[in-house]
Every structure is written in C-alpha cells, then in structure tokens.
Amino acid sequence: MIFVIIQFVCIGLILLPFGPIRHPYGLMVGLPGLALAWAAIRQIRRMGPGRFNIRPIPKENSILVTNGVYSYIRHPMYSSVLLSMLGPVVMYWHLTNTVIYAALLINLLAKLHYEENLWLQRDPQYRSYCRHTKRLIPFIY
C-alpha cells in the first residue's frame, strides 16, 4: 500500500504548478502516456470486470494478461504514469518537479519489482512472459 500512497503523492505534487508554463509543448509529451493508459485499461477490461488493480498485489481472481500492449511491455500502466507525468514536469520545469519525478520513477521501479516477484511465485507462465517482453519501454527495458 505504501507504493500506491507514494505514487499518488508524487503525482499530486507534480500536478501542482511550481511556476509559470515555460514549455507549453510539455502537454504533447504527456498525451502518449494517457493513450497508453487507455489501451492498457481497455485490454484489462476485455478480460472481465473487476480486473483493474492499482495495488502491486495480484487479486485472487486475476489472470496474466499477455496480449495487446501487454505483449510488448509488462507494466504499461506504470509506463503511462511516467509518460503522462513527464508532460507537467516539462511544462512547469523546476528542480522541485524534477526531484519529485525522480522519486516517482524510483517508487514505480520498486513497485514493479515487488509485483513481478509476486507474479513469479503465483504463476509459472510469468517467467516465460518475462523472457518475451520488456518491463517499461518496448524493446529496451
């Protein structure tokens, strides 16, 4: 639960403007993140109601989603958060926002490692899935 709290505190702080808009094109940086979130949520909903989970602990009735955007990256929702929050960081660039964004990145990396360990214990297919996909950035990481 601490991962989720830290995540939302960081997002809330990033969305507070720490100054004037310096780079209005920062919105264009964040839009792909929202599109990725939409695609990931849509894919999860196809698996049935009640599958979406913001906590890193897999639900009892959860199943491994490996198609759609999940066929390229294992954590598209984490990627979407990082991409969409990069927009406000660019728009309202300030050292404070950069530090908060770094804290968000570290938190999400810790959260995804924790979640992956739980999936490895729970589902034997997860190891194979890991060999064929990247964590956050297609073809890179």
N, C-alpha and C. Protein backbone atom coordinates (compact mmCIF):
# COMPACT_ATOMS: atom_id res chain seq x y z
N MET A 1 0.82 -1.20 0.00
CA MET A 1 0.00 0.00 0.00
C MET A 1 0.86 1.26 0.00
N ILE A 2 2.04 1.18 0.60
CA ILE A 2 2.92 2.35 0.66
C ILE A 2 3.34 2.79 -0.74
N PHE A 3 3.52 1.83 -1.66
CA PHE A 3 3.88 2.18 -3.04
C PHE A 3 2.80 3.05 -3.67
N VAL A 4 1.55 2.70 -3.44
CA VAL A 4 0.42 3.44 -4.02
C VAL A 4 0.33 4.83 -3.41
N ILE A 5 0.52 4.94 -2.12
CA ILE A 5 0.47 6.25 -1.45
C ILE A 5 1.57 7.15 -1.99
N ILE A 6 2.79 6.64 -2.06
CA ILE A 6 3.91 7.45 -2.58
C ILE A 6 3.62 7.86 -4.02
N GLN A 7 3.11 6.93 -4.81
CA GLN A 7 2.80 7.21 -6.22
C GLN A 7 1.82 8.38 -6.33
N PHE A 8 0.73 8.34 -5.58
CA PHE A 8 -0.28 9.39 -5.68
C PHE A 8 0.17 10.71 -5.08
N VAL A 9 0.99 10.67 -4.05
CA VAL A 9 1.55 11.91 -3.50
C VAL A 9 2.46 12.57 -4.54
N CYS A 10 3.31 11.79 -5.18
CA CYS A 10 4.20 12.33 -6.22
C CYS A 10 3.40 12.91 -7.38
N ILE A 11 2.38 12.18 -7.85
CA ILE A 11 1.54 12.67 -8.95
C ILE A 11 0.86 13.99 -8.55
N GLY A 12 0.31 14.03 -7.36
CA GLY A 12 -0.34 15.25 -6.89
C GLY A 12 0.61 16.43 -6.83
N LEU A 13 1.82 16.19 -6.33
CA LEU A 13 2.81 17.27 -6.25
C LEU A 13 3.28 17.72 -7.63
N ILE A 14 3.43 16.77 -8.55
CA ILE A 14 3.85 17.13 -9.91
C ILE A 14 2.78 17.99 -10.59
N LEU A 15 1.53 17.70 -10.31
CA LEU A 15 0.44 18.44 -10.95
C LEU A 15 0.24 19.83 -10.37
N LEU A 16 0.88 20.11 -9.22
CA LEU A 16 0.85 21.47 -8.68
C LEU A 16 1.87 22.30 -9.46
N PRO A 17 1.43 23.34 -10.12
CA PRO A 17 2.42 24.13 -10.87
C PRO A 17 3.34 24.90 -9.93
N PHE A 18 4.65 24.68 -10.09
CA PHE A 18 5.63 25.37 -9.26
C PHE A 18 6.12 26.65 -9.94
N GLY A 19 5.41 27.09 -10.94
CA GLY A 19 5.81 28.30 -11.63
C GLY A 19 4.99 28.46 -12.91
N PRO A 20 5.36 29.45 -13.70
CA PRO A 20 4.63 29.69 -14.95
C PRO A 20 4.91 28.58 -15.97
N ILE A 21 4.01 28.46 -16.93
CA ILE A 21 4.23 27.49 -18.01
C ILE A 21 5.42 27.97 -18.83
N ARG A 22 6.45 27.14 -18.85
CA ARG A 22 7.67 27.51 -19.58
C ARG A 22 7.74 26.83 -20.92
N HIS A 23 7.21 25.64 -21.00
CA HIS A 23 7.28 24.85 -22.23
C HIS A 23 5.90 24.27 -22.50
N PRO A 24 5.04 25.00 -23.23
CA PRO A 24 3.68 24.52 -23.45
C PRO A 24 3.63 23.20 -24.22
N TYR A 25 4.70 22.86 -24.93
CA TYR A 25 4.71 21.59 -25.67
C TYR A 25 4.86 20.40 -24.73
N GLY A 26 5.00 20.65 -23.45
CA GLY A 26 5.04 19.56 -22.47
C GLY A 26 3.77 18.75 -22.48
N LEU A 27 2.64 19.38 -22.88
CA LEU A 27 1.39 18.65 -23.00
C LEU A 27 1.51 17.54 -24.03
N MET A 28 2.22 17.81 -25.12
CA MET A 28 2.40 16.79 -26.15
C MET A 28 3.23 15.62 -25.63
N VAL A 29 4.10 15.88 -24.67
CA VAL A 29 4.91 14.82 -24.07
C VAL A 29 4.03 13.89 -23.24
N GLY A 30 3.06 14.45 -22.53
CA GLY A 30 2.21 13.66 -21.65
C GLY A 30 1.08 12.92 -22.34
N LEU A 31 0.64 13.38 -23.50
CA LEU A 31 -0.50 12.74 -24.17
C LEU A 31 -0.28 11.28 -24.55
N PRO A 32 0.90 10.88 -25.03
CA PRO A 32 1.09 9.45 -25.31
C PRO A 32 0.93 8.58 -24.07
N GLY A 33 1.26 9.10 -22.91
CA GLY A 33 1.06 8.36 -21.67
C GLY A 33 -0.41 8.10 -21.40
N LEU A 34 -1.25 9.09 -21.67
CA LEU A 34 -2.69 8.90 -21.48
C LEU A 34 -3.23 7.89 -22.48
N ALA A 35 -2.73 7.93 -23.72
CA ALA A 35 -3.15 6.96 -24.73
C ALA A 35 -2.74 5.54 -24.33
N LEU A 36 -1.55 5.40 -23.79
CA LEU A 36 -1.08 4.09 -23.34
C LEU A 36 -1.94 3.57 -22.18
N ALA A 37 -2.30 4.44 -21.26
CA ALA A 37 -3.16 4.05 -20.14
C ALA A 37 -4.50 3.57 -20.66
N TRP A 38 -5.07 4.30 -21.61
CA TRP A 38 -6.35 3.92 -22.19
C TRP A 38 -6.26 2.53 -22.82
N ALA A 39 -5.19 2.28 -23.59
CA ALA A 39 -5.02 0.97 -24.25
C ALA A 39 -4.87 -0.15 -23.22
N ALA A 40 -4.12 0.09 -22.16
CA ALA A 40 -3.91 -0.93 -21.13
C ALA A 40 -5.19 -1.23 -20.37
N ILE A 41 -5.92 -0.20 -19.99
CA ILE A 41 -7.18 -0.40 -19.27
C ILE A 41 -8.18 -1.12 -20.16
N ARG A 42 -8.22 -0.76 -21.41
CA ARG A 42 -9.13 -1.42 -22.36
C ARG A 42 -8.81 -2.91 -22.46
N GLN A 43 -7.53 -3.23 -22.50
CA GLN A 43 -7.12 -4.64 -22.59
C GLN A 43 -7.50 -5.40 -21.32
N ILE A 44 -7.33 -4.79 -20.18
CA ILE A 44 -7.68 -5.44 -18.91
C ILE A 44 -9.19 -5.67 -18.83
N ARG A 45 -9.97 -4.69 -19.26
CA ARG A 45 -11.43 -4.82 -19.20
C ARG A 45 -11.94 -5.93 -20.10
N ARG A 46 -11.23 -6.22 -21.17
CA ARG A 46 -11.63 -7.32 -22.05
C ARG A 46 -11.55 -8.67 -21.32
N MET A 47 -10.73 -8.73 -20.29
CA MET A 47 -10.57 -9.97 -19.53
C MET A 47 -11.72 -10.18 -18.54
N GLY A 48 -12.54 -9.17 -18.36
CA GLY A 48 -13.68 -9.28 -17.46
C GLY A 48 -13.71 -8.15 -16.45
N PRO A 49 -14.85 -7.95 -15.81
CA PRO A 49 -14.98 -6.86 -14.84
C PRO A 49 -14.16 -7.10 -13.57
N GLY A 50 -13.76 -6.01 -12.96
CA GLY A 50 -13.06 -6.10 -11.68
C GLY A 50 -11.61 -6.54 -11.75
N ARG A 51 -11.00 -6.46 -12.92
CA ARG A 51 -9.61 -6.92 -13.07
C ARG A 51 -8.59 -5.81 -12.80
N PHE A 52 -8.99 -4.56 -12.96
CA PHE A 52 -8.06 -3.45 -12.79
C PHE A 52 -7.66 -3.33 -11.32
N ASN A 53 -6.37 -3.11 -11.08
CA ASN A 53 -5.86 -3.08 -9.71
C ASN A 53 -4.69 -2.10 -9.65
N ILE A 54 -4.75 -1.11 -8.77
CA ILE A 54 -3.63 -0.18 -8.65
C ILE A 54 -2.59 -0.68 -7.65
N ARG A 55 -2.97 -1.66 -6.85
CA ARG A 55 -2.02 -2.22 -5.89
C ARG A 55 -1.13 -3.24 -6.60
N PRO A 56 0.12 -3.39 -6.16
CA PRO A 56 1.02 -4.34 -6.83
C PRO A 56 0.73 -5.80 -6.51
N ILE A 57 -0.18 -6.05 -5.59
CA ILE A 57 -0.50 -7.42 -5.20
C ILE A 57 -1.60 -7.94 -6.13
N PRO A 58 -1.32 -9.02 -6.88
CA PRO A 58 -2.34 -9.55 -7.79
C PRO A 58 -3.60 -9.98 -7.02
N LYS A 59 -4.76 -9.65 -7.60
CA LYS A 59 -6.03 -10.06 -6.99
C LYS A 59 -6.18 -11.57 -7.08
N GLU A 60 -7.03 -12.11 -6.22
CA GLU A 60 -7.30 -13.55 -6.21
C GLU A 60 -7.74 -14.06 -7.57
N ASN A 61 -8.65 -13.34 -8.21
CA ASN A 61 -9.22 -13.79 -9.47
C ASN A 61 -8.46 -13.28 -10.70
N SER A 62 -7.29 -12.69 -10.48
CA SER A 62 -6.56 -12.11 -11.62
C SER A 62 -5.92 -13.19 -12.48
N ILE A 63 -5.83 -12.86 -13.76
CA ILE A 63 -5.16 -13.74 -14.71
C ILE A 63 -4.11 -12.92 -15.42
N LEU A 64 -3.09 -13.58 -15.90
CA LEU A 64 -1.99 -12.91 -16.57
C LEU A 64 -2.45 -12.42 -17.94
N VAL A 65 -2.35 -11.11 -18.16
CA VAL A 65 -2.71 -10.51 -19.45
C VAL A 65 -1.43 -10.40 -20.27
N THR A 66 -1.42 -11.01 -21.45
CA THR A 66 -0.20 -11.03 -22.27
C THR A 66 -0.45 -10.56 -23.70
N ASN A 67 -1.63 -10.03 -23.98
CA ASN A 67 -1.90 -9.57 -25.34
C ASN A 67 -2.12 -8.06 -25.37
N GLY A 68 -2.29 -7.52 -26.55
CA GLY A 68 -2.42 -6.07 -26.69
C GLY A 68 -1.11 -5.39 -26.32
N VAL A 69 -1.19 -4.27 -25.62
CA VAL A 69 0.03 -3.57 -25.21
C VAL A 69 0.88 -4.42 -24.27
N TYR A 70 0.22 -5.36 -23.59
CA TYR A 70 0.94 -6.25 -22.67
C TYR A 70 1.83 -7.26 -23.41
N SER A 71 1.69 -7.36 -24.71
CA SER A 71 2.58 -8.25 -25.46
C SER A 71 3.92 -7.57 -25.74
N TYR A 72 4.02 -6.27 -25.47
CA TYR A 72 5.27 -5.53 -25.67
C TYR A 72 5.93 -5.18 -24.34
N ILE A 73 5.12 -4.74 -23.38
CA ILE A 73 5.65 -4.37 -22.07
C ILE A 73 4.76 -4.95 -20.97
N ARG A 74 5.40 -5.33 -19.88
CA ARG A 74 4.67 -5.97 -18.78
C ARG A 74 3.93 -4.98 -17.89
N HIS A 75 4.36 -3.74 -17.88
CA HIS A 75 3.77 -2.74 -16.98
C HIS A 75 3.39 -1.47 -17.74
N PRO A 76 2.43 -1.58 -18.67
CA PRO A 76 2.08 -0.38 -19.44
C PRO A 76 1.45 0.72 -18.59
N MET A 77 0.80 0.36 -17.49
CA MET A 77 0.22 1.40 -16.64
C MET A 77 1.31 2.21 -15.95
N TYR A 78 2.38 1.55 -15.54
CA TYR A 78 3.49 2.28 -14.93
C TYR A 78 4.16 3.18 -15.98
N SER A 79 4.32 2.65 -17.18
CA SER A 79 4.88 3.45 -18.28
C SER A 79 4.00 4.66 -18.56
N SER A 80 2.69 4.44 -18.53
CA SER A 80 1.76 5.54 -18.82
C SER A 80 1.85 6.63 -17.75
N VAL A 81 2.00 6.23 -16.50
CA VAL A 81 2.14 7.22 -15.43
C VAL A 81 3.41 8.04 -15.63
N LEU A 82 4.50 7.35 -15.94
CA LEU A 82 5.77 8.06 -16.14
C LEU A 82 5.70 9.00 -17.34
N LEU A 83 5.11 8.53 -18.44
CA LEU A 83 4.99 9.38 -19.63
C LEU A 83 4.06 10.56 -19.39
N SER A 84 2.90 10.30 -18.81
CA SER A 84 1.94 11.39 -18.63
C SER A 84 2.42 12.41 -17.60
N MET A 85 3.18 12.00 -16.61
CA MET A 85 3.70 12.95 -15.62
C MET A 85 4.91 13.71 -16.13
N LEU A 86 5.54 13.19 -17.16
CA LEU A 86 6.67 13.90 -17.76
C LEU A 86 6.19 15.21 -18.41
N GLY A 87 4.95 15.20 -18.92
CA GLY A 87 4.39 16.42 -19.53
C GLY A 87 4.38 17.59 -18.57
N PRO A 88 3.75 17.47 -17.39
CA PRO A 88 3.76 18.58 -16.44
C PRO A 88 5.16 18.94 -15.95
N VAL A 89 6.03 17.94 -15.83
CA VAL A 89 7.40 18.25 -15.40
C VAL A 89 8.08 19.15 -16.43
N VAL A 90 7.85 18.86 -17.71
CA VAL A 90 8.42 19.68 -18.78
C VAL A 90 7.73 21.05 -18.82
N MET A 91 6.41 21.06 -18.71
CA MET A 91 5.67 22.33 -18.79
C MET A 91 6.04 23.28 -17.66
N TYR A 92 6.12 22.74 -16.46
CA TYR A 92 6.42 23.56 -15.28
C TYR A 92 7.80 23.22 -14.75
N TRP A 93 8.78 23.20 -15.64
CA TRP A 93 10.10 22.75 -15.22
C TRP A 93 10.59 23.55 -14.04
N HIS A 94 10.96 22.81 -13.04
CA HIS A 94 11.51 23.36 -11.81
C HIS A 94 12.28 22.21 -11.16
N LEU A 95 13.32 22.51 -10.46
CA LEU A 95 14.12 21.47 -9.81
C LEU A 95 13.25 20.61 -8.88
N THR A 96 12.31 21.25 -8.20
CA THR A 96 11.42 20.51 -7.30
C THR A 96 10.65 19.44 -8.05
N ASN A 97 10.07 19.80 -9.19
CA ASN A 97 9.33 18.83 -10.00
C ASN A 97 10.23 17.70 -10.48
N THR A 98 11.45 18.03 -10.83
CA THR A 98 12.39 17.01 -11.31
C THR A 98 12.71 16.01 -10.19
N VAL A 99 12.91 16.51 -8.99
CA VAL A 99 13.19 15.64 -7.84
C VAL A 99 11.97 14.76 -7.53
N ILE A 100 10.79 15.34 -7.59
CA ILE A 100 9.57 14.57 -7.33
C ILE A 100 9.39 13.51 -8.42
N TYR A 101 9.66 13.86 -9.66
CA TYR A 101 9.56 12.89 -10.76
C TYR A 101 10.56 11.74 -10.55
N ALA A 102 11.75 12.06 -10.10
CA ALA A 102 12.75 11.01 -9.81
C ALA A 102 12.24 10.09 -8.69
N ALA A 103 11.61 10.67 -7.67
CA ALA A 103 11.04 9.85 -6.59
C ALA A 103 9.93 8.96 -7.13
N LEU A 104 9.10 9.49 -8.04
CA LEU A 104 8.04 8.69 -8.66
C LEU A 104 8.65 7.54 -9.45
N LEU A 105 9.69 7.81 -10.21
CA LEU A 105 10.36 6.77 -11.00
C LEU A 105 10.91 5.67 -10.10
N ILE A 106 11.61 6.05 -9.05
CA ILE A 106 12.18 5.06 -8.12
C ILE A 106 11.07 4.25 -7.47
N ASN A 107 10.00 4.91 -7.05
CA ASN A 107 8.88 4.22 -6.43
C ASN A 107 8.25 3.21 -7.40
N LEU A 108 8.02 3.62 -8.65
CA LEU A 108 7.40 2.71 -9.61
C LEU A 108 8.32 1.54 -9.95
N LEU A 109 9.62 1.78 -10.00
CA LEU A 109 10.55 0.67 -10.24
C LEU A 109 10.53 -0.33 -9.09
N ALA A 110 10.50 0.19 -7.87
CA ALA A 110 10.41 -0.71 -6.70
C ALA A 110 9.08 -1.45 -6.71
N LYS A 111 8.01 -0.75 -7.06
CA LYS A 111 6.68 -1.36 -7.10
C LYS A 111 6.61 -2.46 -8.15
N LEU A 112 7.18 -2.23 -9.32
CA LEU A 112 7.10 -3.25 -10.36
C LEU A 112 7.96 -4.46 -10.04
N HIS A 113 9.10 -4.26 -9.39
CA HIS A 113 9.92 -5.40 -8.98
C HIS A 113 9.19 -6.24 -7.92
N TYR A 114 8.54 -5.56 -6.99
CA TYR A 114 7.76 -6.25 -5.97
C TYR A 114 6.63 -7.06 -6.62
N GLU A 115 5.91 -6.42 -7.54
CA GLU A 115 4.81 -7.07 -8.24
C GLU A 115 5.30 -8.27 -9.05
N GLU A 116 6.43 -8.10 -9.74
CA GLU A 116 6.96 -9.20 -10.54
C GLU A 116 7.34 -10.40 -9.66
N ASN A 117 7.91 -10.14 -8.52
CA ASN A 117 8.25 -11.25 -7.60
C ASN A 117 7.00 -12.01 -7.17
N LEU A 118 5.92 -11.28 -6.91
CA LEU A 118 4.67 -11.94 -6.53
C LEU A 118 4.11 -12.77 -7.69
N TRP A 119 4.19 -12.23 -8.91
CA TRP A 119 3.71 -12.98 -10.08
C TRP A 119 4.56 -14.22 -10.33
N LEU A 120 5.86 -14.12 -10.12
CA LEU A 120 6.74 -15.28 -10.31
C LEU A 120 6.38 -16.40 -9.34
N GLN A 121 6.00 -16.04 -8.13
CA GLN A 121 5.59 -17.04 -7.14
C GLN A 121 4.22 -17.62 -7.46
N ARG A 122 3.39 -16.83 -8.07
CA ARG A 122 2.00 -17.22 -8.29
C ARG A 122 1.75 -17.97 -9.59
N ASP A 123 2.42 -17.56 -10.67
CA ASP A 123 2.09 -18.10 -11.99
C ASP A 123 3.36 -18.58 -12.70
N PRO A 124 3.50 -19.87 -12.96
CA PRO A 124 4.70 -20.39 -13.62
C PRO A 124 4.90 -19.84 -15.04
N GLN A 125 3.83 -19.37 -15.67
CA GLN A 125 3.94 -18.80 -17.02
C GLN A 125 4.60 -17.42 -17.02
N TYR A 126 4.64 -16.78 -15.85
CA TYR A 126 5.18 -15.42 -15.79
C TYR A 126 6.65 -15.36 -16.19
N ARG A 127 7.41 -16.35 -15.84
CA ARG A 127 8.84 -16.38 -16.19
C ARG A 127 9.01 -16.37 -17.71
N SER A 128 8.22 -17.16 -18.41
CA SER A 128 8.25 -17.19 -19.87
C SER A 128 7.82 -15.85 -20.45
N TYR A 129 6.78 -15.28 -19.86
CA TYR A 129 6.29 -13.96 -20.29
C TYR A 129 7.40 -12.91 -20.15
N CYS A 130 8.17 -12.98 -19.07
CA CYS A 130 9.27 -12.04 -18.85
C CYS A 130 10.36 -12.16 -19.92
N ARG A 131 10.58 -13.36 -20.39
CA ARG A 131 11.62 -13.56 -21.42
C ARG A 131 11.22 -12.94 -22.76
N HIS A 132 9.93 -12.75 -22.98
CA HIS A 132 9.45 -12.26 -24.28
C HIS A 132 9.01 -10.80 -24.29
N THR A 133 9.04 -10.16 -23.13
CA THR A 133 8.60 -8.77 -23.05
C THR A 133 9.59 -7.95 -22.23
N LYS A 134 9.49 -6.66 -22.37
CA LYS A 134 10.28 -5.72 -21.56
C LYS A 134 9.40 -5.17 -20.45
N ARG A 135 10.02 -4.54 -19.47
CA ARG A 135 9.25 -4.03 -18.33
C ARG A 135 8.46 -2.77 -18.65
N LEU A 136 9.15 -1.73 -19.10
CA LEU A 136 8.50 -0.42 -19.25
C LEU A 136 8.61 0.18 -20.65
N ILE A 137 9.70 -0.09 -21.34
CA ILE A 137 9.94 0.52 -22.65
C ILE A 137 10.10 -0.58 -23.68
N PRO A 138 9.22 -0.64 -24.67
CA PRO A 138 9.31 -1.74 -25.66
C PRO A 138 10.71 -1.84 -26.27
N PHE A 139 11.20 -3.07 -26.36
CA PHE A 139 12.47 -3.41 -26.99
C PHE A 139 13.71 -2.90 -26.25
N ILE A 140 13.53 -2.16 -25.14
CA ILE A 140 14.68 -1.55 -24.43
C ILE A 140 14.77 -2.03 -22.99
N TYR A 141 13.74 -1.73 -22.17
CA TYR A 141 13.77 -2.10 -20.75
C TYR A 141 12.40 -2.53 -20.30
